[in-house]
PDB file of N, CA and C in Angstrom:
ATOM      1  N   UNK A   1     130.230 113.567 121.686  1.00  0.00           N
ATOM      2  CA  UNK A   1     129.842 112.249 122.183  1.00  0.00           C
ATOM      3  C   UNK A   1     129.764 112.307 123.711  1.00  0.00           C
ATOM      4  N   UNK A   2     128.626 111.936 124.286  1.00  0.00           N
ATOM      5  CA  UNK A   2     128.521 111.906 125.755  1.00  0.00           C
ATOM      6  C   UNK A   2     129.562 110.962 126.356  1.00  0.00           C
ATOM      7  N   UNK A   3     130.014 111.321 127.518  1.00  0.00           N
ATOM      8  CA  UNK A   3     131.092 110.568 128.165  1.00  0.00           C
ATOM      9  C   UNK A   3     130.705 109.116 128.448  1.00  0.00           C
ATOM     10  N   UNK A   4     129.414 108.856 128.664  1.00  0.00           N
ATOM     11  CA  UNK A   4     128.993 107.487 128.963  1.00  0.00           C
ATOM     12  C   UNK A   4     129.014 106.590 127.727  1.00  0.00           C
ATOM     13  N   UNK A   5     129.178 107.183 126.556  1.00  0.00           N
ATOM     14  CA  UNK A   5     129.322 106.374 125.348  1.00  0.00           C
ATOM     15  C   UNK A   5     130.778 105.943 125.159  1.00  0.00           C
ATOM     16  N   UNK A   6     131.691 106.526 125.932  1.00  0.00           N
ATOM     17  CA  UNK A   6     133.111 106.168 125.877  1.00  0.00           C
ATOM     18  C   UNK A   6     133.266 104.709 126.301  1.00  0.00           C
ATOM     19  N   UNK A   7     133.947 103.941 125.477  1.00  0.00           N
ATOM     20  CA  UNK A   7     134.092 102.496 125.733  1.00  0.00           C
ATOM     21  C   UNK A   7     134.822 102.223 127.051  1.00  0.00           C
ATOM     22  N   UNK A   8     135.811 103.056 127.384  1.00  0.00           N
ATOM     23  CA  UNK A   8     136.559 102.863 128.634  1.00  0.00           C
ATOM     24  C   UNK A   8     135.681 103.032 129.861  1.00  0.00           C
ATOM     25  N   UNK A   9     134.818 104.035 129.831  1.00  0.00           N
ATOM     26  CA  UNK A   9     133.904 104.283 130.956  1.00  0.00           C
ATOM     27  C   UNK A   9     132.906 103.133 131.074  1.00  0.00           C
ATOM     28  N   UNK A  10     132.397 102.667 129.953  1.00  0.00           N
ATOM     29  CA  UNK A  10     131.429 101.559 129.990  1.00  0.00           C
ATOM     30  C   UNK A  10     132.086 100.278 130.504  1.00  0.00           C
ATOM     31  N   UNK A  11     133.334 100.046 130.132  1.00  0.00           N
ATOM     32  CA  UNK A  11     134.035  98.855 130.624  1.00  0.00           C
ATOM     33  C   UNK A  11     134.261  98.941 132.132  1.00  0.00           C
ATOM     34  N   UNK A  12     134.592 100.139 132.626  1.00  0.00           N
ATOM     35  CA  UNK A  12     134.726 100.330 134.075  1.00  0.00           C
ATOM     36  C   UNK A  12     133.422  99.962 134.780  1.00  0.00           C
ATOM     37  N   UNK A  13     132.319 100.464 134.244  1.00  0.00           N
ATOM     38  CA  UNK A  13     131.018 100.205 134.855  1.00  0.00           C
ATOM     39  C   UNK A  13     130.688  98.716 134.807  1.00  0.00           C
ATOM     40  N   UNK A  14     130.947  98.073 133.681  1.00  0.00           N
ATOM     41  CA  UNK A  14     130.669  96.635 133.569  1.00  0.00           C
ATOM     42  C   UNK A  14     131.494  95.840 134.573  1.00  0.00           C
ATOM     43  N   UNK A  15     132.757  96.178 134.698  1.00  0.00           N
ATOM     44  CA  UNK A  15     133.601  95.450 135.660  1.00  0.00           C
ATOM     45  C   UNK A  15     133.091  95.671 137.079  1.00  0.00           C
ATOM     46  N   UNK A  16     132.623  96.897 137.370  1.00  0.00           N
ATOM     47  CA  UNK A  16     132.106  97.186 138.702  1.00  0.00           C
ATOM     48  C   UNK A  16     130.845  96.386 138.989  1.00  0.00           C
ATOM     49  N   UNK A  17     130.059  96.148 137.968  1.00  0.00           N
ATOM     50  CA  UNK A  17     128.824  95.383 138.136  1.00  0.00           C
ATOM     51  C   UNK A  17     129.127  93.891 138.271  1.00  0.00           C
ATOM     52  N   UNK A  18     130.027  93.366 137.419  1.00  0.00           N
ATOM     53  CA  UNK A  18     130.205  91.918 137.324  1.00  0.00           C
ATOM     54  C   UNK A  18     131.283  91.335 138.235  1.00  0.00           C
ATOM     55  N   UNK A  19     132.278  92.105 138.644  1.00  0.00           N
ATOM     56  CA  UNK A  19     133.315  91.546 139.520  1.00  0.00           C
ATOM     57  C   UNK A  19     132.764  91.071 140.862  1.00  0.00           C
ATOM     58  N   UNK A  20     131.905  91.841 141.539  1.00  0.00           N
ATOM     59  CA  UNK A  20     131.347  91.324 142.797  1.00  0.00           C
ATOM     60  C   UNK A  20     130.526  90.045 142.598  1.00  0.00           C
ATOM     61  N   UNK A  21     129.851  89.955 141.461  1.00  0.00           N
ATOM     62  CA  UNK A  21     129.081  88.737 141.185  1.00  0.00           C
ATOM     63  C   UNK A  21     130.014  87.545 140.991  1.00  0.00           C
ATOM     64  N   UNK A  22     131.107  87.760 140.272  1.00  0.00           N
ATOM     65  CA  UNK A  22     132.084  86.684 140.065  1.00  0.00           C
ATOM     66  C   UNK A  22     132.690  86.251 141.397  1.00  0.00           C
ATOM     67  N   UNK A  23     132.995  87.222 142.261  1.00  0.00           N
ATOM     68  CA  UNK A  23     133.559  86.881 143.569  1.00  0.00           C
ATOM     69  C   UNK A  23     132.560  86.057 144.380  1.00  0.00           C
ATOM     70  N   UNK A  24     131.296  86.442 144.327  1.00  0.00           N
ATOM     71  CA  UNK A  24     130.269  85.704 145.067  1.00  0.00           C
ATOM     72  C   UNK A  24     130.153  84.260 144.556  1.00  0.00           C
ATOM     73  N   UNK A  25     130.219  84.080 143.247  1.00  0.00           N
ATOM     74  CA  UNK A  25     130.143  82.729 142.679  1.00  0.00           C
ATOM     75  C   UNK A  25     131.356  81.908 143.126  1.00  0.00           C
ATOM     76  N   UNK A  26     132.540  82.509 143.098  1.00  0.00           N
ATOM     77  CA  UNK A  26     133.733  81.803 143.568  1.00  0.00           C
ATOM     78  C   UNK A  26     133.588  81.400 145.036  1.00  0.00           C
ATOM     79  N   UNK A  27     133.053  82.299 145.858  1.00  0.00           N
ATOM     80  CA  UNK A  27     132.889  81.994 147.281  1.00  0.00           C
ATOM     81  C   UNK A  27     131.909  80.843 147.476  1.00  0.00           C
ATOM     82  N   UNK A  28     130.833  80.836 146.709  1.00  0.00           N
ATOM     83  CA  UNK A  28     129.860  79.743 146.808  1.00  0.00           C
ATOM     84  C   UNK A  28     130.475  78.437 146.326  1.00  0.00           C
ATOM     85  N   UNK A  29     131.232  78.511 145.243  1.00  0.00           N
ATOM     86  CA  UNK A  29     131.888  77.313 144.717  1.00  0.00           C
ATOM     87  C   UNK A  29     132.913  76.766 145.714  1.00  0.00           C
ATOM     88  N   UNK A  30     133.586  77.671 146.416  1.00  0.00           N
ATOM     89  CA  UNK A  30     134.570  77.230 147.412  1.00  0.00           C
ATOM     90  C   UNK A  30     133.884  76.419 148.505  1.00  0.00           C
ATOM     91  N   UNK A  31     132.733  76.893 148.945  1.00  0.00           N
ATOM     92  CA  UNK A  31     131.986  76.152 149.966  1.00  0.00           C
ATOM     93  C   UNK A  31     131.584  74.774 149.461  1.00  0.00           C
ATOM     94  N   UNK A  32     131.169  74.700 148.204  1.00  0.00           N
ATOM     95  CA  UNK A  32     130.773  73.413 147.633  1.00  0.00           C
ATOM     96  C   UNK A  32     131.964  72.466 147.523  1.00  0.00           C
ATOM     97  N   UNK A  33     133.121  73.011 147.189  1.00  0.00           N
ATOM     98  CA  UNK A  33     134.327  72.182 147.099  1.00  0.00           C
ATOM     99  C   UNK A  33     134.695  71.654 148.484  1.00  0.00           C
ATOM    100  N   UNK A  34     134.576  72.503 149.498  1.00  0.00           N
ATOM    101  CA  UNK A  34     134.894  72.064 150.859  1.00  0.00           C
ATOM    102  C   UNK A  34     133.956  70.960 151.325  1.00  0.00           C
ATOM    103  N   UNK A  35     132.704  71.022 150.915  1.00  0.00           N
ATOM    104  CA  UNK A  35     131.722  70.030 151.340  1.00  0.00           C
ATOM    105  C   UNK A  35     131.779  68.761 150.498  1.00  0.00           C
ATOM    106  N   UNK A  36     132.384  68.862 149.322  1.00  0.00           N
ATOM    107  CA  UNK A  36     132.470  67.698 148.430  1.00  0.00           C
ATOM    108  C   UNK A  36     133.501  66.708 148.973  1.00  0.00           C
ATOM    109  N   UNK A  37     133.474  65.531 148.433  1.00  0.00           N
ATOM    110  CA  UNK A  37     134.347  64.470 148.913  1.00  0.00           C
ATOM    111  C   UNK A  37     135.558  64.305 147.979  1.00  0.00           C
ATOM    112  N   UNK A  38     136.337  65.386 147.826  1.00  0.00           N
ATOM    113  CA  UNK A  38     137.531  65.325 146.997  1.00  0.00           C
ATOM    114  C   UNK A  38     138.675  64.709 147.797  1.00  0.00           C
ATOM    115  N   UNK A  39     139.570  64.049 147.100  1.00  0.00           N
ATOM    116  CA  UNK A  39     140.746  63.468 147.763  1.00  0.00           C
ATOM    117  C   UNK A  39     141.683  64.561 148.259  1.00  0.00           C
ATOM    118  N   UNK A  40     141.881  65.593 147.427  1.00  0.00           N
ATOM    119  CA  UNK A  40     142.773  66.695 147.798  1.00  0.00           C
ATOM    120  C   UNK A  40     142.045  68.022 147.533  1.00  0.00           C
ATOM    121  N   UNK A  41     141.160  68.414 148.420  1.00  0.00           N
ATOM    122  CA  UNK A  41     140.372  69.627 148.178  1.00  0.00           C
ATOM    123  C   UNK A  41     141.211  70.907 148.208  1.00  0.00           C
ATOM    124  N   UNK A  42     142.359  70.876 148.862  1.00  0.00           N
ATOM    125  CA  UNK A  42     143.174  72.083 148.969  1.00  0.00           C
ATOM    126  C   UNK A  42     143.643  72.577 147.602  1.00  0.00           C
ATOM    127  N   UNK A  43     143.806  71.682 146.639  1.00  0.00           N
ATOM    128  CA  UNK A  43     144.191  72.111 145.295  1.00  0.00           C
ATOM    129  C   UNK A  43     143.155  73.061 144.718  1.00  0.00           C
ATOM    130  N   UNK A  44     141.888  72.722 144.880  1.00  0.00           N
ATOM    131  CA  UNK A  44     140.797  73.513 144.323  1.00  0.00           C
ATOM    132  C   UNK A  44     140.550  74.776 145.141  1.00  0.00           C
ATOM    133  N   UNK A  45     140.599  74.644 146.455  1.00  0.00           N
ATOM    134  CA  UNK A  45     140.337  75.818 147.287  1.00  0.00           C
ATOM    135  C   UNK A  45     141.440  76.866 147.124  1.00  0.00           C
ATOM    136  N   UNK A  46     142.684  76.436 146.935  1.00  0.00           N
ATOM    137  CA  UNK A  46     143.774  77.397 146.716  1.00  0.00           C
ATOM    138  C   UNK A  46     143.571  78.145 145.402  1.00  0.00           C
ATOM    139  N   UNK A  47     143.163  77.440 144.377  1.00  0.00           N
ATOM    140  CA  UNK A  47     142.908  78.063 143.086  1.00  0.00           C
ATOM    141  C   UNK A  47     141.781  79.089 143.206  1.00  0.00           C
ATOM    142  N   UNK A  48     140.728  78.715 143.890  1.00  0.00           N
ATOM    143  CA  UNK A  48     139.592  79.626 144.074  1.00  0.00           C
ATOM    144  C   UNK A  48     139.992  80.799 144.966  1.00  0.00           C
ATOM    145  N   UNK A  49     140.743  80.529 146.042  1.00  0.00           N
ATOM    146  CA  UNK A  49     141.180  81.606 146.932  1.00  0.00           C
ATOM    147  C   UNK A  49     142.053  82.622 146.204  1.00  0.00           C
ATOM    148  N   UNK A  50     142.927  82.141 145.323  1.00  0.00           N
ATOM    149  CA  UNK A  50     143.763  83.061 144.541  1.00  0.00           C
ATOM    150  C   UNK A  50     142.911  83.944 143.638  1.00  0.00           C
ATOM    151  N   UNK A  51     141.894  83.363 143.016  1.00  0.00           N
ATOM    152  CA  UNK A  51     141.002  84.135 142.152  1.00  0.00           C
ATOM    153  C   UNK A  51     140.241  85.180 142.974  1.00  0.00           C
ATOM    154  N   UNK A  52     139.747  84.790 144.135  1.00  0.00           N
ATOM    155  CA  UNK A  52     139.022  85.730 145.006  1.00  0.00           C
ATOM    156  C   UNK A  52     139.938  86.869 145.429  1.00  0.00           C
ATOM    157  N   UNK A  53     141.166  86.554 145.756  1.00  0.00           N
ATOM    158  CA  UNK A  53     142.137  87.572 146.162  1.00  0.00           C
ATOM    159  C   UNK A  53     142.424  88.557 145.025  1.00  0.00           C
ATOM    160  N   UNK A  54     142.593  88.043 143.814  1.00  0.00           N
ATOM    161  CA  UNK A  54     142.838  88.917 142.662  1.00  0.00           C
ATOM    162  C   UNK A  54     141.629  89.816 142.398  1.00  0.00           C
ATOM    163  N   UNK A  55     140.438  89.257 142.501  1.00  0.00           N
ATOM    164  CA  UNK A  55     139.226  90.047 142.278  1.00  0.00           C
ATOM    165  C   UNK A  55     139.125  91.148 143.326  1.00  0.00           C
ATOM    166  N   UNK A  56     139.410  90.842 144.577  1.00  0.00           N
ATOM    167  CA  UNK A  56     139.334  91.834 145.641  1.00  0.00           C
ATOM    168  C   UNK A  56     140.301  92.986 145.373  1.00  0.00           C
ATOM    169  N   UNK A  57     141.518  92.654 144.968  1.00  0.00           N
ATOM    170  CA  UNK A  57     142.507  93.681 144.637  1.00  0.00           C
ATOM    171  C   UNK A  57     142.044  94.515 143.447  1.00  0.00           C
ATOM    172  N   UNK A  58     141.530  93.857 142.425  1.00  0.00           N
ATOM    173  CA  UNK A  58     141.061  94.574 141.242  1.00  0.00           C
ATOM    174  C   UNK A  58     139.867  95.465 141.560  1.00  0.00           C
ATOM    175  N   UNK A  59     138.986  95.016 142.448  1.00  0.00           N
ATOM    176  CA  UNK A  59     137.850  95.847 142.849  1.00  0.00           C
ATOM    177  C   UNK A  59     138.319  97.108 143.565  1.00  0.00           C
ATOM    178  N   UNK A  60     139.329  96.981 144.404  1.00  0.00           N
ATOM    179  CA  UNK A  60     139.873  98.144 145.109  1.00  0.00           C
ATOM    180  C   UNK A  60     140.424  99.146 144.089  1.00  0.00           C
ATOM    181  N   UNK A  61     141.209  98.649 143.128  1.00  0.00           N
ATOM    182  CA  UNK A  61     141.773  99.517 142.096  1.00  0.00           C
ATOM    183  C   UNK A  61     140.674 100.111 141.216  1.00  0.00           C
ATOM    184  N   UNK A  62     139.656  99.331 140.931  1.00  0.00           N
ATOM    185  CA  UNK A  62     138.543  99.780 140.108  1.00  0.00           C
ATOM    186  C   UNK A  62     137.793 100.923 140.789  1.00  0.00           C
ATOM    187  N   UNK A  63     137.585 100.809 142.085  1.00  0.00           N
ATOM    188  CA  UNK A  63     136.894 101.883 142.819  1.00  0.00           C
ATOM    189  C   UNK A  63     137.702 103.176 142.781  1.00  0.00           C
ATOM    190  N   UNK A  64     139.037 103.063 142.899  1.00  0.00           N
ATOM    191  CA  UNK A  64     139.889 104.251 142.806  1.00  0.00           C
ATOM    192  C   UNK A  64     139.757 104.892 141.431  1.00  0.00           C
ATOM    193  N   UNK A  65     139.768 104.082 140.387  1.00  0.00           N
ATOM    194  CA  UNK A  65     139.642 104.592 139.025  1.00  0.00           C
ATOM    195  C   UNK A  65     138.285 105.237 138.808  1.00  0.00           C
ATOM    196  N   UNK A  66     137.241 104.655 139.380  1.00  0.00           N
ATOM    197  CA  UNK A  66     135.902 105.232 139.251  1.00  0.00           C
ATOM    198  C   UNK A  66     135.827 106.593 139.950  1.00  0.00           C
ATOM    199  N   UNK A  67     136.453 106.708 141.111  1.00  0.00           N
ATOM    200  CA  UNK A  67     136.483 108.005 141.798  1.00  0.00           C
ATOM    201  C   UNK A  67     137.237 109.031 140.952  1.00  0.00           C
ATOM    202  N   UNK A  68     138.332 108.597 140.349  1.00  0.00           N
ATOM    203  CA  UNK A  68     139.144 109.499 139.531  1.00  0.00           C
ATOM    204  C   UNK A  68     138.356 110.010 138.321  1.00  0.00           C
ATOM    205  N   UNK A  69     137.580 109.144 137.705  1.00  0.00           N
ATOM    206  CA  UNK A  69     136.821 109.529 136.515  1.00  0.00           C
ATOM    207  C   UNK A  69     135.460 110.134 136.850  1.00  0.00           C
ATOM    208  N   UNK A  70     135.020 110.033 138.099  1.00  0.00           N
ATOM    209  CA  UNK A  70     133.719 110.576 138.492  1.00  0.00           C
ATOM    210  C   UNK A  70     132.552 109.676 138.133  1.00  0.00           C
ATOM    211  N   UNK A  71     132.815 108.399 137.944  1.00  0.00           N
ATOM    212  CA  UNK A  71     131.765 107.450 137.563  1.00  0.00           C
ATOM    213  C   UNK A  71     131.123 106.849 138.806  1.00  0.00           C
ATOM    214  N   UNK A  72     129.803 106.812 138.806  1.00  0.00           N
ATOM    215  CA  UNK A  72     129.052 106.152 139.869  1.00  0.00           C
ATOM    216  C   UNK A  72     128.083 105.164 139.226  1.00  0.00           C
ATOM    217  N   UNK A  73     127.877 104.036 139.896  1.00  0.00           N
ATOM    218  CA  UNK A  73     126.946 103.016 139.408  1.00  0.00           C
ATOM    219  C   UNK A  73     125.955 102.735 140.527  1.00  0.00           C
ATOM    220  N   UNK A  74     124.673 102.826 140.202  1.00  0.00           N
ATOM    221  CA  UNK A  74     123.618 102.577 141.172  1.00  0.00           C
ATOM    222  C   UNK A  74     122.759 101.422 140.696  1.00  0.00           C
ATOM    223  N   UNK A  75     122.483 100.498 141.580  1.00  0.00           N
ATOM    224  CA  UNK A  75     121.614  99.376 141.229  1.00  0.00           C
ATOM    225  C   UNK A  75     120.170  99.840 141.345  1.00  0.00           C
ATOM    226  N   UNK A  76     119.402  99.532 140.320  1.00  0.00           N
ATOM    227  CA  UNK A  76     117.994  99.879 140.309  1.00  0.00           C
ATOM    228  C   UNK A  76     117.171  98.607 140.210  1.00  0.00           C
ATOM    229  N   UNK A  77     115.867  98.785 140.253  1.00  0.00           N
ATOM    230  CA  UNK A  77     114.962  97.644 140.196  1.00  0.00           C
ATOM    231  C   UNK A  77     115.135  96.831 138.913  1.00  0.00           C
ATOM    232  N   UNK A  78     115.288  97.517 137.792  1.00  0.00           N
ATOM    233  CA  UNK A  78     115.326  96.822 136.505  1.00  0.00           C
ATOM    234  C   UNK A  78     116.673  96.975 135.806  1.00  0.00           C
ATOM    235  N   UNK A  79     117.734  97.215 136.553  1.00  0.00           N
ATOM    236  CA  UNK A  79     119.043  97.360 135.922  1.00  0.00           C
ATOM    237  C   UNK A  79     119.962  98.227 136.759  1.00  0.00           C
ATOM    238  N   UNK A  80     120.759  99.037 136.064  1.00  0.00           N
ATOM    239  CA  UNK A  80     121.755  99.872 136.726  1.00  0.00           C
ATOM    240  C   UNK A  80     121.704 101.264 136.124  1.00  0.00           C
ATOM    241  N   UNK A  81     122.013 102.260 136.943  1.00  0.00           N
ATOM    242  CA  UNK A  81     122.102 103.636 136.498  1.00  0.00           C
ATOM    243  C   UNK A  81     123.559 104.047 136.572  1.00  0.00           C
ATOM    244  N   UNK A  82     124.122 104.447 135.433  1.00  0.00           N
ATOM    245  CA  UNK A  82     125.493 104.926 135.378  1.00  0.00           C
ATOM    246  C   UNK A  82     125.450 106.445 135.358  1.00  0.00           C
ATOM    247  N   UNK A  83     126.228 107.079 136.223  1.00  0.00           N
ATOM    248  CA  UNK A  83     126.269 108.532 136.295  1.00  0.00           C
ATOM    249  C   UNK A  83     127.720 108.961 136.216  1.00  0.00           C
ATOM    250  N   UNK A  84     128.004 109.868 135.265  1.00  0.00           N
ATOM    251  CA  UNK A  84     129.364 110.373 135.112  1.00  0.00           C
ATOM    252  C   UNK A  84     129.292 111.800 134.576  1.00  0.00           C
ATOM    253  N   UNK A  85     129.750 112.742 135.391  1.00  0.00           N
ATOM    254  CA  UNK A  85     129.834 114.143 134.986  1.00  0.00           C
ATOM    255  C   UNK A  85     128.524 114.651 134.379  1.00  0.00           C
ATOM    256  N   UNK A  86     127.472 114.594 135.148  1.00  0.00           N
ATOM    257  CA  UNK A  86     126.127 115.080 134.789  1.00  0.00           C
ATOM    258  C   UNK A  86     125.412 114.220 133.755  1.00  0.00           C
ATOM    259  N   UNK A  87     126.038 113.220 133.206  1.00  0.00           N
ATOM    260  CA  UNK A  87     125.379 112.350 132.241  1.00  0.00           C
ATOM    261  C   UNK A  87     124.876 111.100 132.951  1.00  0.00           C
ATOM    262  N   UNK A  88     123.719 110.620 132.532  1.00  0.00           N
ATOM    263  CA  UNK A  88     123.141 109.413 133.109  1.00  0.00           C
ATOM    264  C   UNK A  88     122.797 108.445 131.995  1.00  0.00           C
ATOM    265  N   UNK A  89     122.965 107.167 132.304  1.00  0.00           N
ATOM    266  CA  UNK A  89     122.609 106.130 131.345  1.00  0.00           C
ATOM    267  C   UNK A  89     122.074 104.938 132.119  1.00  0.00           C
ATOM    268  N   UNK A  90     120.911 104.460 131.719  1.00  0.00           N
ATOM    269  CA  UNK A  90     120.356 103.259 132.330  1.00  0.00           C
ATOM    270  C   UNK A  90     120.734 102.060 131.474  1.00  0.00           C
ATOM    271  N   UNK A  91     121.233 101.017 132.133  1.00  0.00           N
ATOM    272  CA  UNK A  91     121.581  99.787 131.423  1.00  0.00           C
ATOM    273  C   UNK A  91     120.922  98.616 132.145  1.00  0.00           C
ATOM    274  N   UNK A  92     120.598  97.607 131.375  1.00  0.00           N
ATOM    275  CA  UNK A  92     120.049  96.396 131.970  1.00  0.00           C
ATOM    276  C   UNK A  92     120.630  95.205 131.226  1.00  0.00           C
ATOM    277  N   UNK A  93     120.696  94.102 131.908  1.00  0.00           N
ATOM    278  CA  UNK A  93     121.255  92.875 131.355  1.00  0.00           C
ATOM    279  C   UNK A  93     120.262  91.744 131.577  1.00  0.00           C
ATOM    280  N   UNK A  94     120.162  90.868 130.602  1.00  0.00           N
ATOM    281  CA  UNK A  94     119.337  89.682 130.779  1.00  0.00           C
ATOM    282  C   UNK A  94     120.116  88.709 131.677  1.00  0.00           C
ATOM    283  N   UNK A  95     119.441  87.782 132.327  1.00  0.00           N
ATOM    284  CA  UNK A  95     120.158  86.803 133.153  1.00  0.00           C
ATOM    285  C   UNK A  95     121.201  86.017 132.358  1.00  0.00           C
ATOM    286  N   UNK A  96     120.902  85.668 131.104  1.00  0.00           N
ATOM    287  CA  UNK A  96     121.874  84.946 130.288  1.00  0.00           C
ATOM    288  C   UNK A  96     123.101  85.793 129.997  1.00  0.00           C
ATOM    289  N   UNK A  97     122.874  87.071 129.722  1.00  0.00           N
ATOM    290  CA  UNK A  97     123.979  87.982 129.462  1.00  0.00           C
ATOM    291  C   UNK A  97     124.856  88.140 130.707  1.00  0.00           C
ATOM    292  N   UNK A  98     124.225  88.271 131.857  1.00  0.00           N
ATOM    293  CA  UNK A  98     124.980  88.400 133.106  1.00  0.00           C
ATOM    294  C   UNK A  98     125.794  87.136 133.369  1.00  0.00           C
ATOM    295  N   UNK A  99     125.179  85.990 133.159  1.00  0.00           N
ATOM    296  CA  UNK A  99     125.867  84.710 133.366  1.00  0.00           C
ATOM    297  C   UNK A  99     127.082  84.601 132.442  1.00  0.00           C
ATOM    298  N   UNK A 100     126.918  85.035 131.198  1.00  0.00           N
ATOM    299  CA  UNK A 100     128.011  84.975 130.230  1.00  0.00           C
ATOM    300  C   UNK A 100     129.152  85.905 130.640  1.00  0.00           C
ATOM    301  N   UNK A 101     128.809  87.139 131.042  1.00  0.00           N
ATOM    302  CA  UNK A 101     129.833  88.098 131.465  1.00  0.00           C
ATOM    303  C   UNK A 101     130.582  87.595 132.701  1.00  0.00           C
ATOM    304  N   UNK A 102     129.845  87.092 133.663  1.00  0.00           N
ATOM    305  CA  UNK A 102     130.472  86.590 134.892  1.00  0.00           C
ATOM    306  C   UNK A 102     131.349  85.380 134.575  1.00  0.00           C
ATOM    307  N   UNK A 103     130.879  84.487 133.719  1.00  0.00           N
ATOM    308  CA  UNK A 103     131.673  83.319 133.333  1.00  0.00           C
ATOM    309  C   UNK A 103     132.974  83.707 132.648  1.00  0.00           C
ATOM    310  N   UNK A 104     132.910  84.709 131.768  1.00  0.00           N
ATOM    311  CA  UNK A 104     134.124  85.172 131.093  1.00  0.00           C
ATOM    312  C   UNK A 104     135.114  85.752 132.089  1.00  0.00           C
ATOM    313  N   UNK A 105     134.611  86.541 133.035  1.00  0.00           N
ATOM    314  CA  UNK A 105     135.495  87.096 134.062  1.00  0.00           C
ATOM    315  C   UNK A 105     136.127  86.001 134.902  1.00  0.00           C
ATOM    316  N   UNK A 106     135.330  85.011 135.268  1.00  0.00           N
ATOM    317  CA  UNK A 106     135.852  83.920 136.094  1.00  0.00           C
ATOM    318  C   UNK A 106     136.952  83.159 135.358  1.00  0.00           C
ATOM    319  N   UNK A 107     136.776  82.960 134.068  1.00  0.00           N
ATOM    320  CA  UNK A 107     137.813  82.279 133.284  1.00  0.00           C
ATOM    321  C   UNK A 107     139.103  83.080 133.290  1.00  0.00           C
ATOM    322  N   UNK A 108     139.007  84.396 133.192  1.00  0.00           N
ATOM    323  CA  UNK A 108     140.197  85.257 133.219  1.00  0.00           C
ATOM    324  C   UNK A 108     140.940  85.106 134.539  1.00  0.00           C
ATOM    325  N   UNK A 109     140.209  85.013 135.629  1.00  0.00           N
ATOM    326  CA  UNK A 109     140.845  84.953 136.941  1.00  0.00           C
ATOM    327  C   UNK A 109     141.374  83.568 137.282  1.00  0.00           C
ATOM    328  N   UNK A 110     140.985  82.567 136.547  1.00  0.00           N
ATOM    329  CA  UNK A 110     141.500  81.228 136.789  1.00  0.00           C
ATOM    330  C   UNK A 110     142.748  80.915 135.958  1.00  0.00           C
ATOM    331  N   UNK A 111     143.101  81.820 135.043  1.00  0.00           N
ATOM    332  CA  UNK A 111     144.284  81.600 134.212  1.00  0.00           C
ATOM    333  C   UNK A 111     145.545  81.893 134.968  1.00  0.00           C
TER     334      UNK A 111
END
């Protein structure tokens, strides 16, 4: 079985693709909360800031794990190229699929 078919390697690659997107959405949402007319906006911004902080830490750890396993992810015009130990795999996601993955990650970080 090629190494890129390994579920652990694919999950690493998915997290590498979707965590930065989730962080970007949180950052945009934080700006919207700051601009909104909430009575106590700090409650929401603290929750979002904690999620952003956890994602940043997880991304750092994820990059270390990717270096350890030899996995690289390259963004291409129509998707992503996963490269691990001479094996290559092209993956692509529909916008709905990406939205679903990012939403699931965001829910995990808000718990």
